Amino acid sequence: MLWFKKISIDSFFDGLTVFCRYSGMAKYDMDKIDGREYVVTMYHDLGKKWSIFMQHILDEGLKKTLNIIPKIDITESSIVLRFFNP
Protein backbone atom coordinates (compact mmCIF):
# COMPACT_ATOMS: atom_id res chain seq x y z
CA MET A 1 0.00 0.00 0.00
CA LEU A 2 2.77 2.42 0.87
CA TRP A 3 4.38 2.43 -2.57
CA PHE A 4 1.62 1.32 -4.92
CA LYS A 5 -1.48 2.86 -3.26
CA LYS A 6 -3.75 -0.09 -3.99
CA ILE A 7 -4.15 -3.78 -3.28
CA SER A 8 -4.28 -5.77 -6.50
CA ILE A 9 -2.60 -8.54 -8.44
CA ASP A 10 -0.57 -5.88 -10.29
CA SER A 11 0.67 -4.30 -7.05
CA PHE A 12 1.55 -7.80 -5.75
CA PHE A 13 3.80 -8.35 -8.79
CA ASP A 14 5.20 -4.81 -8.53
CA GLY A 15 6.13 -5.48 -4.89
CA LEU A 16 7.65 -8.84 -5.76
CA THR A 17 9.72 -7.19 -8.50
CA VAL A 18 11.01 -4.51 -6.10
CA PHE A 19 11.82 -7.14 -3.46
CA CYS A 20 13.73 -9.37 -5.86
CA ARG A 21 15.55 -6.55 -7.62
CA TYR A 22 16.78 -4.67 -4.56
CA SER A 23 17.27 -7.47 -2.03
CA GLY A 24 19.17 -9.66 -4.48
CA MET A 25 17.78 -12.70 -2.65
CA ALA A 26 15.86 -14.21 -5.55
CA LYS A 27 14.95 -13.99 -9.19
CA TYR A 28 11.53 -14.82 -10.50
CA ASP A 29 9.61 -15.62 -13.65
CA MET A 30 5.87 -15.15 -14.05
CA ASP A 31 3.64 -16.85 -16.59
CA LYS A 32 -0.01 -16.07 -17.14
CA ILE A 33 -1.97 -19.01 -18.52
CA ASP A 34 -5.37 -18.55 -20.19
CA GLY A 35 -5.63 -15.02 -18.79
CA ARG A 36 -6.54 -16.21 -15.28
CA GLU A 37 -3.94 -18.62 -13.91
CA TYR A 38 -0.62 -17.27 -12.70
CA VAL A 39 2.51 -19.36 -12.20
CA VAL A 40 5.38 -17.64 -10.41
CA THR A 41 8.73 -19.40 -10.03
CA MET A 42 11.31 -17.88 -7.69
CA TYR A 43 14.94 -19.06 -7.80
CA HIS A 44 17.45 -18.52 -4.98
CA ASP A 45 20.51 -20.06 -3.38
CA LEU A 46 19.57 -19.57 0.28
CA GLY A 47 18.44 -23.10 1.13
CA LYS A 48 15.28 -24.89 2.18
CA LYS A 49 14.62 -22.77 5.28
CA TRP A 50 14.38 -19.64 3.12
CA SER A 51 12.00 -21.46 0.77
CA ILE A 52 9.79 -22.38 3.76
CA PHE A 53 9.91 -18.78 5.03
CA MET A 54 8.91 -17.37 1.64
CA GLN A 55 6.19 -20.00 1.29
CA HIS A 56 4.63 -18.74 4.51
CA ILE A 57 5.00 -15.04 3.59
CA LEU A 58 3.49 -15.49 0.12
CA ASP A 59 0.70 -17.77 1.33
CA GLU A 60 -0.44 -15.51 4.16
CA GLY A 61 0.05 -12.32 2.14
CA LEU A 62 -2.14 -13.49 -0.73
CA LYS A 63 -4.80 -14.91 1.58
CA LYS A 64 -5.09 -11.84 3.79
CA THR A 65 -4.81 -9.09 1.18
CA LEU A 66 -6.36 -10.52 -1.99
CA ASN A 67 -8.40 -13.48 -0.66
CA ILE A 68 -6.43 -15.80 -2.94
CA ILE A 69 -5.47 -19.27 -1.77
CA PRO A 70 -2.32 -20.19 -3.70
CA LYS A 71 -0.78 -23.61 -4.27
CA ILE A 72 2.89 -23.42 -3.36
CA ASP A 73 5.60 -26.02 -3.99
CA ILE A 74 9.10 -25.57 -2.63
CA THR A 75 12.53 -27.10 -3.11
CA GLU A 76 15.98 -26.34 -1.77
CA SER A 77 16.38 -23.51 -4.28
CA SER A 78 12.94 -22.60 -5.64
CA ILE A 79 9.38 -21.64 -4.83
CA VAL A 80 6.61 -22.29 -7.36
CA LEU A 81 3.42 -20.33 -6.69
CA ARG A 82 0.19 -21.03 -8.59
CA PHE A 83 -3.09 -19.18 -8.24
CA PHE A 84 -6.15 -18.04 -10.16
CA ASN A 85 -7.18 -14.42 -10.46
CA PRO A 86 -10.78 -14.32 -9.22
C-alpha atoms as a PDB file:
ATOM      1  CA  MET A   1       0.000   0.000   0.000  1.00  0.00           C
ATOM      2  CA  LEU A   2       2.773   2.422   0.868  1.00  0.00           C
ATOM      3  CA  TRP A   3       4.376   2.433  -2.569  1.00  0.00           C
ATOM      4  CA  PHE A   4       1.624   1.321  -4.921  1.00  0.00           C
ATOM      5  CA  LYS A   5      -1.478   2.861  -3.255  1.00  0.00           C
ATOM      6  CA  LYS A   6      -3.746  -0.094  -3.994  1.00  0.00           C
ATOM      7  CA  ILE A   7      -4.147  -3.784  -3.277  1.00  0.00           C
ATOM      8  CA  SER A   8      -4.285  -5.766  -6.500  1.00  0.00           C
ATOM      9  CA  ILE A   9      -2.598  -8.536  -8.444  1.00  0.00           C
ATOM     10  CA  ASP A  10      -0.569  -5.881 -10.288  1.00  0.00           C
ATOM     11  CA  SER A  11       0.670  -4.296  -7.054  1.00  0.00           C
ATOM     12  CA  PHE A  12       1.553  -7.795  -5.751  1.00  0.00           C
ATOM     13  CA  PHE A  13       3.800  -8.346  -8.786  1.00  0.00           C
ATOM     14  CA  ASP A  14       5.205  -4.810  -8.533  1.00  0.00           C
ATOM     15  CA  GLY A  15       6.127  -5.478  -4.891  1.00  0.00           C
ATOM     16  CA  LEU A  16       7.654  -8.844  -5.760  1.00  0.00           C
ATOM     17  CA  THR A  17       9.722  -7.185  -8.498  1.00  0.00           C
ATOM     18  CA  VAL A  18      11.006  -4.512  -6.103  1.00  0.00           C
ATOM     19  CA  PHE A  19      11.818  -7.136  -3.455  1.00  0.00           C
ATOM     20  CA  CYS A  20      13.730  -9.367  -5.864  1.00  0.00           C
ATOM     21  CA  ARG A  21      15.554  -6.552  -7.623  1.00  0.00           C
ATOM     22  CA  TYR A  22      16.777  -4.672  -4.556  1.00  0.00           C
ATOM     23  CA  SER A  23      17.270  -7.475  -2.029  1.00  0.00           C
ATOM     24  CA  GLY A  24      19.166  -9.663  -4.483  1.00  0.00           C
ATOM     25  CA  MET A  25      17.779 -12.702  -2.649  1.00  0.00           C
ATOM     26  CA  ALA A  26      15.862 -14.214  -5.548  1.00  0.00           C
ATOM     27  CA  LYS A  27      14.952 -13.993  -9.195  1.00  0.00           C
ATOM     28  CA  TYR A  28      11.533 -14.822 -10.504  1.00  0.00           C
ATOM     29  CA  ASP A  29       9.609 -15.616 -13.654  1.00  0.00           C
ATOM     30  CA  MET A  30       5.875 -15.147 -14.053  1.00  0.00           C
ATOM     31  CA  ASP A  31       3.645 -16.851 -16.592  1.00  0.00           C
ATOM     32  CA  LYS A  32      -0.010 -16.069 -17.138  1.00  0.00           C
ATOM     33  CA  ILE A  33      -1.973 -19.014 -18.515  1.00  0.00           C
ATOM     34  CA  ASP A  34      -5.371 -18.552 -20.195  1.00  0.00           C
ATOM     35  CA  GLY A  35      -5.627 -15.022 -18.792  1.00  0.00           C
ATOM     36  CA  ARG A  36      -6.538 -16.211 -15.281  1.00  0.00           C
ATOM     37  CA  GLU A  37      -3.937 -18.616 -13.907  1.00  0.00           C
ATOM     38  CA  TYR A  38      -0.617 -17.270 -12.696  1.00  0.00           C
ATOM     39  CA  VAL A  39       2.513 -19.358 -12.198  1.00  0.00           C
ATOM     40  CA  VAL A  40       5.383 -17.644 -10.411  1.00  0.00           C
ATOM     41  CA  THR A  41       8.729 -19.395 -10.031  1.00  0.00           C
ATOM     42  CA  MET A  42      11.312 -17.884  -7.695  1.00  0.00           C
ATOM     43  CA  TYR A  43      14.939 -19.057  -7.804  1.00  0.00           C
ATOM     44  CA  HIS A  44      17.451 -18.523  -4.982  1.00  0.00           C
ATOM     45  CA  ASP A  45      20.510 -20.063  -3.380  1.00  0.00           C
ATOM     46  CA  LEU A  46      19.573 -19.567   0.278  1.00  0.00           C
ATOM     47  CA  GLY A  47      18.438 -23.097   1.134  1.00  0.00           C
ATOM     48  CA  LYS A  48      15.280 -24.895   2.175  1.00  0.00           C
ATOM     49  CA  LYS A  49      14.620 -22.770   5.276  1.00  0.00           C
ATOM     50  CA  TRP A  50      14.380 -19.643   3.118  1.00  0.00           C
ATOM     51  CA  SER A  51      12.000 -21.463   0.769  1.00  0.00           C
ATOM     52  CA  ILE A  52       9.793 -22.380   3.758  1.00  0.00           C
ATOM     53  CA  PHE A  53       9.906 -18.784   5.025  1.00  0.00           C
ATOM     54  CA  MET A  54       8.906 -17.370   1.637  1.00  0.00           C
ATOM     55  CA  GLN A  55       6.189 -20.005   1.288  1.00  0.00           C
ATOM     56  CA  HIS A  56       4.633 -18.743   4.514  1.00  0.00           C
ATOM     57  CA  ILE A  57       4.996 -15.043   3.594  1.00  0.00           C
ATOM     58  CA  LEU A  58       3.493 -15.491   0.120  1.00  0.00           C
ATOM     59  CA  ASP A  59       0.697 -17.772   1.326  1.00  0.00           C
ATOM     60  CA  GLU A  60      -0.436 -15.506   4.160  1.00  0.00           C
ATOM     61  CA  GLY A  61       0.049 -12.316   2.140  1.00  0.00           C
ATOM     62  CA  LEU A  62      -2.138 -13.485  -0.731  1.00  0.00           C
ATOM     63  CA  LYS A  63      -4.802 -14.912   1.584  1.00  0.00           C
ATOM     64  CA  LYS A  64      -5.092 -11.837   3.786  1.00  0.00           C
ATOM     65  CA  THR A  65      -4.815  -9.094   1.183  1.00  0.00           C
ATOM     66  CA  LEU A  66      -6.356 -10.523  -1.994  1.00  0.00           C
ATOM     67  CA  ASN A  67      -8.405 -13.479  -0.661  1.00  0.00           C
ATOM     68  CA  ILE A  68      -6.431 -15.798  -2.940  1.00  0.00           C
ATOM     69  CA  ILE A  69      -5.469 -19.270  -1.774  1.00  0.00           C
ATOM     70  CA  PRO A  70      -2.315 -20.191  -3.699  1.00  0.00           C
ATOM     71  CA  LYS A  71      -0.782 -23.606  -4.267  1.00  0.00           C
ATOM     72  CA  ILE A  72       2.893 -23.423  -3.362  1.00  0.00           C
ATOM     73  CA  ASP A  73       5.595 -26.019  -3.990  1.00  0.00           C
ATOM     74  CA  ILE A  74       9.102 -25.569  -2.628  1.00  0.00           C
ATOM     75  CA  THR A  75      12.526 -27.100  -3.111  1.00  0.00           C
ATOM     76  CA  GLU A  76      15.976 -26.339  -1.766  1.00  0.00           C
ATOM     77  CA  SER A  77      16.378 -23.506  -4.275  1.00  0.00           C
ATOM     78  CA  SER A  78      12.943 -22.595  -5.645  1.00  0.00           C
ATOM     79  CA  ILE A  79       9.384 -21.636  -4.832  1.00  0.00           C
ATOM     80  CA  VAL A  80       6.607 -22.286  -7.360  1.00  0.00           C
ATOM     81  CA  LEU A  81       3.419 -20.331  -6.692  1.00  0.00           C
ATOM     82  CA  ARG A  82       0.188 -21.029  -8.590  1.00  0.00           C
ATOM     83  CA  PHE A  83      -3.085 -19.179  -8.241  1.00  0.00           C
ATOM     84  CA  PHE A  84      -6.146 -18.042 -10.155  1.00  0.00           C
ATOM     85  CA  ASN A  85      -7.176 -14.423 -10.456  1.00  0.00           C
ATOM     86  CA  PRO A  86     -10.776 -14.319  -9.218  1.00  0.00           C
END
